[in-house]
Amino acid sequence: MYITNTETVPDGEIVEVLGIARGNTVEARNVGRDITQGLRNVLGGELKGYSELLSKARDEAIVRMEDDAERMDADAVVNVRLETSQITEGGSEVMAYGTAVRLR
């Protein structure tokens, strides 16, 4: 499966647009991480625990988008975008979406 944030696939011709492929996940912080990251926030610096949590969520959302595209028998997903939003206090959703296509 070819995944790209561009409208085209290098050396590939899009012959059919299948629809929107999407995948999402909701991740929540935990108390232990909140305590350590709260201290880091006071002292300054990167909040690595939260960065790792969001990285994991992005990867999972992309995998789920790819699975959705495979169910449509797509060869590629173009115009891929990522969004994040706060669902609840301490919980964020990460969504990956793009256009599932077939290539020649």
N, C-alpha and C. Protein backbone atom coordinates (compact mmCIF):
# COMPACT_ATOMS: atom_id res chain seq x y z
N MET A 1 0.86 -1.18 0.00
CA MET A 1 0.00 0.00 0.00
C MET A 1 0.89 1.23 0.00
N TYR A 2 0.67 2.10 -0.97
CA TYR A 2 1.43 3.34 -1.07
C TYR A 2 0.63 4.43 -0.35
N ILE A 3 1.27 5.10 0.61
CA ILE A 3 0.64 6.17 1.39
C ILE A 3 1.41 7.46 1.14
N THR A 4 0.69 8.51 0.72
CA THR A 4 1.38 9.78 0.43
C THR A 4 0.48 10.97 0.76
N ASN A 5 1.13 12.08 1.08
CA ASN A 5 0.35 13.30 1.34
C ASN A 5 0.23 14.17 0.09
N THR A 6 0.69 13.66 -1.04
CA THR A 6 0.55 14.38 -2.31
C THR A 6 -0.69 13.87 -3.06
N GLU A 7 -1.05 14.57 -4.11
CA GLU A 7 -2.25 14.21 -4.88
C GLU A 7 -2.00 13.09 -5.88
N THR A 8 -0.75 12.80 -6.14
CA THR A 8 -0.40 11.79 -7.13
C THR A 8 0.61 10.81 -6.55
N VAL A 9 0.79 9.71 -7.27
CA VAL A 9 1.79 8.71 -6.91
C VAL A 9 2.87 8.74 -7.99
N PRO A 10 4.12 8.93 -7.60
CA PRO A 10 5.18 8.95 -8.61
C PRO A 10 5.16 7.65 -9.44
N ASP A 11 5.25 7.80 -10.73
CA ASP A 11 5.24 6.67 -11.67
C ASP A 11 3.97 5.82 -11.58
N GLY A 12 2.88 6.40 -11.06
CA GLY A 12 1.62 5.67 -10.99
C GLY A 12 0.50 6.52 -11.57
N GLU A 13 -0.42 5.86 -12.24
CA GLU A 13 -1.57 6.56 -12.80
C GLU A 13 -2.82 6.14 -12.03
N ILE A 14 -3.52 7.11 -11.47
CA ILE A 14 -4.75 6.82 -10.75
C ILE A 14 -5.85 6.53 -11.77
N VAL A 15 -6.44 5.34 -11.66
CA VAL A 15 -7.48 4.96 -12.61
C VAL A 15 -8.87 4.91 -11.97
N GLU A 16 -8.92 4.89 -10.64
CA GLU A 16 -10.22 4.87 -9.97
C GLU A 16 -10.09 5.45 -8.56
N VAL A 17 -11.01 6.31 -8.22
CA VAL A 17 -11.10 6.87 -6.86
C VAL A 17 -12.16 6.06 -6.12
N LEU A 18 -11.77 5.49 -4.98
CA LEU A 18 -12.66 4.58 -4.25
C LEU A 18 -13.39 5.25 -3.09
N GLY A 19 -12.90 6.38 -2.64
CA GLY A 19 -13.53 7.07 -1.52
C GLY A 19 -12.53 7.43 -0.44
N ILE A 20 -13.06 7.87 0.68
CA ILE A 20 -12.20 8.31 1.79
C ILE A 20 -11.86 7.12 2.66
N ALA A 21 -10.56 6.92 2.86
CA ALA A 21 -10.07 5.92 3.82
C ALA A 21 -9.76 6.68 5.09
N ARG A 22 -10.15 6.11 6.22
CA ARG A 22 -9.90 6.82 7.48
C ARG A 22 -9.58 5.84 8.59
N GLY A 23 -8.86 6.35 9.56
CA GLY A 23 -8.54 5.59 10.75
C GLY A 23 -8.36 6.55 11.90
N ASN A 24 -8.79 6.15 13.07
CA ASN A 24 -8.62 7.04 14.22
C ASN A 24 -8.36 6.23 15.48
N THR A 25 -7.88 6.90 16.48
CA THR A 25 -7.69 6.32 17.80
C THR A 25 -7.84 7.43 18.83
N VAL A 26 -8.29 7.06 20.00
CA VAL A 26 -8.37 8.01 21.11
C VAL A 26 -7.44 7.50 22.20
N GLU A 27 -6.52 8.34 22.59
CA GLU A 27 -5.54 7.98 23.62
C GLU A 27 -5.77 8.86 24.84
N ALA A 28 -5.57 8.27 26.01
CA ALA A 28 -5.74 9.02 27.25
C ALA A 28 -4.43 9.03 28.03
N ARG A 29 -4.20 10.11 28.72
CA ARG A 29 -3.04 10.21 29.60
C ARG A 29 -3.30 9.34 30.82
N ASN A 30 -2.21 9.05 31.57
CA ASN A 30 -2.40 8.35 32.84
C ASN A 30 -1.82 9.19 33.98
N VAL A 31 -2.21 8.88 35.19
CA VAL A 31 -1.83 9.68 36.35
C VAL A 31 -0.32 9.77 36.52
N GLY A 32 0.37 8.65 36.38
CA GLY A 32 1.83 8.65 36.53
C GLY A 32 2.51 9.56 35.52
N ARG A 33 2.05 9.49 34.30
CA ARG A 33 2.62 10.34 33.25
C ARG A 33 2.29 11.81 33.52
N ASP A 34 1.09 12.08 33.99
CA ASP A 34 0.70 13.46 34.30
C ASP A 34 1.60 14.08 35.36
N ILE A 35 1.95 13.31 36.37
CA ILE A 35 2.82 13.83 37.45
C ILE A 35 4.20 14.16 36.90
N THR A 36 4.83 13.23 36.18
CA THR A 36 6.18 13.48 35.66
C THR A 36 6.18 14.59 34.62
N GLN A 37 5.16 14.62 33.77
CA GLN A 37 5.11 15.64 32.74
C GLN A 37 4.77 17.01 33.33
N GLY A 38 4.00 17.03 34.42
CA GLY A 38 3.71 18.28 35.13
C GLY A 38 4.97 18.89 35.69
N LEU A 39 5.84 18.07 36.24
CA LEU A 39 7.13 18.57 36.74
C LEU A 39 7.97 19.12 35.60
N ARG A 40 8.00 18.39 34.49
CA ARG A 40 8.77 18.82 33.31
C ARG A 40 8.23 20.16 32.80
N ASN A 41 6.92 20.32 32.84
CA ASN A 41 6.29 21.55 32.38
C ASN A 41 6.74 22.74 33.23
N VAL A 42 6.87 22.53 34.54
CA VAL A 42 7.32 23.60 35.44
C VAL A 42 8.78 23.93 35.18
N LEU A 43 9.59 22.90 34.96
CA LEU A 43 11.03 23.09 34.79
C LEU A 43 11.41 23.48 33.36
N GLY A 44 10.54 23.24 32.42
CA GLY A 44 10.82 23.55 31.02
C GLY A 44 11.35 22.33 30.29
N GLY A 45 11.24 22.35 28.99
CA GLY A 45 11.74 21.26 28.16
C GLY A 45 10.60 20.51 27.49
N GLU A 46 11.00 19.56 26.65
CA GLU A 46 10.03 18.77 25.91
C GLU A 46 9.27 17.83 26.85
N LEU A 47 7.99 17.70 26.62
CA LEU A 47 7.17 16.76 27.38
C LEU A 47 7.20 15.42 26.64
N LYS A 48 8.31 14.67 26.81
CA LYS A 48 8.57 13.47 26.01
C LYS A 48 7.48 12.41 26.18
N GLY A 49 6.96 12.29 27.38
CA GLY A 49 5.89 11.30 27.59
C GLY A 49 4.70 11.57 26.71
N TYR A 50 4.31 12.83 26.59
CA TYR A 50 3.18 13.20 25.74
C TYR A 50 3.54 13.08 24.26
N SER A 51 4.78 13.43 23.93
CA SER A 51 5.23 13.29 22.53
C SER A 51 5.16 11.83 22.10
N GLU A 52 5.61 10.93 22.97
CA GLU A 52 5.57 9.50 22.66
C GLU A 52 4.14 9.01 22.52
N LEU A 53 3.25 9.49 23.38
CA LEU A 53 1.84 9.10 23.32
C LEU A 53 1.22 9.53 21.99
N LEU A 54 1.48 10.76 21.57
CA LEU A 54 0.93 11.24 20.30
C LEU A 54 1.54 10.53 19.10
N SER A 55 2.83 10.22 19.18
CA SER A 55 3.49 9.48 18.09
C SER A 55 2.85 8.10 17.93
N LYS A 56 2.63 7.42 19.03
CA LYS A 56 1.99 6.11 19.01
C LYS A 56 0.57 6.22 18.43
N ALA A 57 -0.15 7.25 18.83
CA ALA A 57 -1.52 7.46 18.33
C ALA A 57 -1.51 7.74 16.83
N ARG A 58 -0.57 8.55 16.35
CA ARG A 58 -0.49 8.84 14.90
C ARG A 58 -0.22 7.56 14.12
N ASP A 59 0.73 6.77 14.60
CA ASP A 59 1.06 5.51 13.91
C ASP A 59 -0.15 4.59 13.86
N GLU A 60 -0.88 4.48 14.96
CA GLU A 60 -2.06 3.61 15.00
C GLU A 60 -3.15 4.12 14.05
N ALA A 61 -3.36 5.42 14.01
CA ALA A 61 -4.37 5.99 13.11
C ALA A 61 -4.02 5.71 11.65
N ILE A 62 -2.75 5.80 11.30
CA ILE A 62 -2.31 5.53 9.93
C ILE A 62 -2.52 4.06 9.58
N VAL A 63 -2.18 3.17 10.51
CA VAL A 63 -2.40 1.73 10.27
C VAL A 63 -3.88 1.45 10.05
N ARG A 64 -4.74 2.06 10.85
CA ARG A 64 -6.18 1.84 10.71
C ARG A 64 -6.71 2.42 9.39
N MET A 65 -6.14 3.54 8.95
CA MET A 65 -6.53 4.11 7.66
C MET A 65 -6.12 3.16 6.54
N GLU A 66 -4.91 2.62 6.65
CA GLU A 66 -4.43 1.68 5.64
C GLU A 66 -5.32 0.43 5.61
N ASP A 67 -5.72 -0.07 6.77
CA ASP A 67 -6.63 -1.22 6.82
C ASP A 67 -7.96 -0.91 6.14
N ASP A 68 -8.47 0.30 6.36
CA ASP A 68 -9.72 0.72 5.73
C ASP A 68 -9.56 0.74 4.21
N ALA A 69 -8.43 1.26 3.72
CA ALA A 69 -8.16 1.31 2.28
C ALA A 69 -8.03 -0.10 1.70
N GLU A 70 -7.42 -1.01 2.44
CA GLU A 70 -7.30 -2.39 1.96
C GLU A 70 -8.67 -3.05 1.82
N ARG A 71 -9.60 -2.73 2.74
CA ARG A 71 -10.95 -3.27 2.62
C ARG A 71 -11.65 -2.79 1.35
N MET A 72 -11.20 -1.63 0.82
CA MET A 72 -11.76 -1.10 -0.44
C MET A 72 -11.00 -1.60 -1.65
N ASP A 73 -10.00 -2.46 -1.43
CA ASP A 73 -9.12 -2.96 -2.50
C ASP A 73 -8.32 -1.85 -3.16
N ALA A 74 -7.90 -0.89 -2.37
CA ALA A 74 -7.10 0.23 -2.90
C ALA A 74 -5.65 -0.19 -3.06
N ASP A 75 -4.98 0.47 -3.98
CA ASP A 75 -3.53 0.30 -4.17
C ASP A 75 -2.75 1.37 -3.43
N ALA A 76 -3.42 2.50 -3.16
CA ALA A 76 -2.73 3.63 -2.54
C ALA A 76 -3.74 4.52 -1.84
N VAL A 77 -3.21 5.35 -0.93
CA VAL A 77 -4.01 6.41 -0.32
C VAL A 77 -3.24 7.71 -0.57
N VAL A 78 -3.89 8.64 -1.26
CA VAL A 78 -3.26 9.92 -1.60
C VAL A 78 -3.90 11.04 -0.77
N ASN A 79 -3.23 12.17 -0.76
CA ASN A 79 -3.74 13.35 -0.04
C ASN A 79 -3.97 13.06 1.44
N VAL A 80 -3.07 12.28 2.05
CA VAL A 80 -3.23 11.89 3.45
C VAL A 80 -3.06 13.10 4.36
N ARG A 81 -3.96 13.21 5.33
CA ARG A 81 -3.92 14.29 6.32
C ARG A 81 -4.09 13.68 7.70
N LEU A 82 -3.56 14.38 8.69
CA LEU A 82 -3.70 14.00 10.10
C LEU A 82 -4.33 15.14 10.87
N GLU A 83 -5.23 14.80 11.76
CA GLU A 83 -5.86 15.81 12.62
C GLU A 83 -5.86 15.29 14.05
N THR A 84 -5.86 16.20 14.97
CA THR A 84 -5.98 15.83 16.37
C THR A 84 -6.98 16.74 17.05
N SER A 85 -7.69 16.20 18.01
CA SER A 85 -8.65 17.00 18.75
C SER A 85 -8.77 16.44 20.16
N GLN A 86 -9.12 17.31 21.07
CA GLN A 86 -9.34 16.89 22.46
C GLN A 86 -10.77 16.39 22.59
N ILE A 87 -10.92 15.15 23.02
CA ILE A 87 -12.23 14.53 23.17
C ILE A 87 -12.77 14.81 24.57
N THR A 88 -11.91 14.68 25.55
CA THR A 88 -12.28 14.87 26.94
C THR A 88 -11.03 15.34 27.70
N GLU A 89 -11.18 15.75 28.90
CA GLU A 89 -10.02 16.15 29.70
C GLU A 89 -9.06 14.96 29.79
N GLY A 90 -7.88 15.12 29.23
CA GLY A 90 -6.89 14.06 29.28
C GLY A 90 -6.97 13.05 28.15
N GLY A 91 -7.91 13.22 27.21
CA GLY A 91 -8.03 12.28 26.11
C GLY A 91 -8.07 13.00 24.77
N SER A 92 -7.26 12.53 23.83
CA SER A 92 -7.21 13.15 22.51
C SER A 92 -7.43 12.12 21.42
N GLU A 93 -8.09 12.57 20.36
CA GLU A 93 -8.29 11.73 19.19
C GLU A 93 -7.29 12.15 18.12
N VAL A 94 -6.72 11.17 17.46
CA VAL A 94 -5.89 11.41 16.28
C VAL A 94 -6.57 10.70 15.13
N MET A 95 -6.80 11.43 14.03
CA MET A 95 -7.44 10.86 12.86
C MET A 95 -6.53 11.01 11.64
N ALA A 96 -6.41 9.93 10.88
CA ALA A 96 -5.70 9.95 9.61
C ALA A 96 -6.74 9.68 8.53
N TYR A 97 -6.67 10.44 7.43
CA TYR A 97 -7.62 10.22 6.34
C TYR A 97 -6.99 10.63 5.02
N GLY A 98 -7.49 10.03 3.96
CA GLY A 98 -7.01 10.34 2.62
C GLY A 98 -7.92 9.69 1.60
N THR A 99 -7.57 9.84 0.34
CA THR A 99 -8.37 9.30 -0.74
C THR A 99 -7.80 7.95 -1.18
N ALA A 100 -8.61 6.90 -1.06
CA ALA A 100 -8.21 5.57 -1.50
C ALA A 100 -8.37 5.49 -3.02
N VAL A 101 -7.35 4.99 -3.70
CA VAL A 101 -7.36 4.93 -5.17
C VAL A 101 -6.81 3.60 -5.67
N ARG A 102 -7.15 3.31 -6.91
CA ARG A 102 -6.54 2.19 -7.61
C ARG A 102 -5.59 2.76 -8.65
N LEU A 103 -4.49 2.07 -8.84
CA LEU A 103 -3.47 2.50 -9.79
C LEU A 103 -3.40 1.54 -10.96
N ARG A 104 -2.94 2.08 -12.09
CA ARG A 104 -2.71 1.23 -13.27
C ARG A 104 -1.41 0.49 -13.07
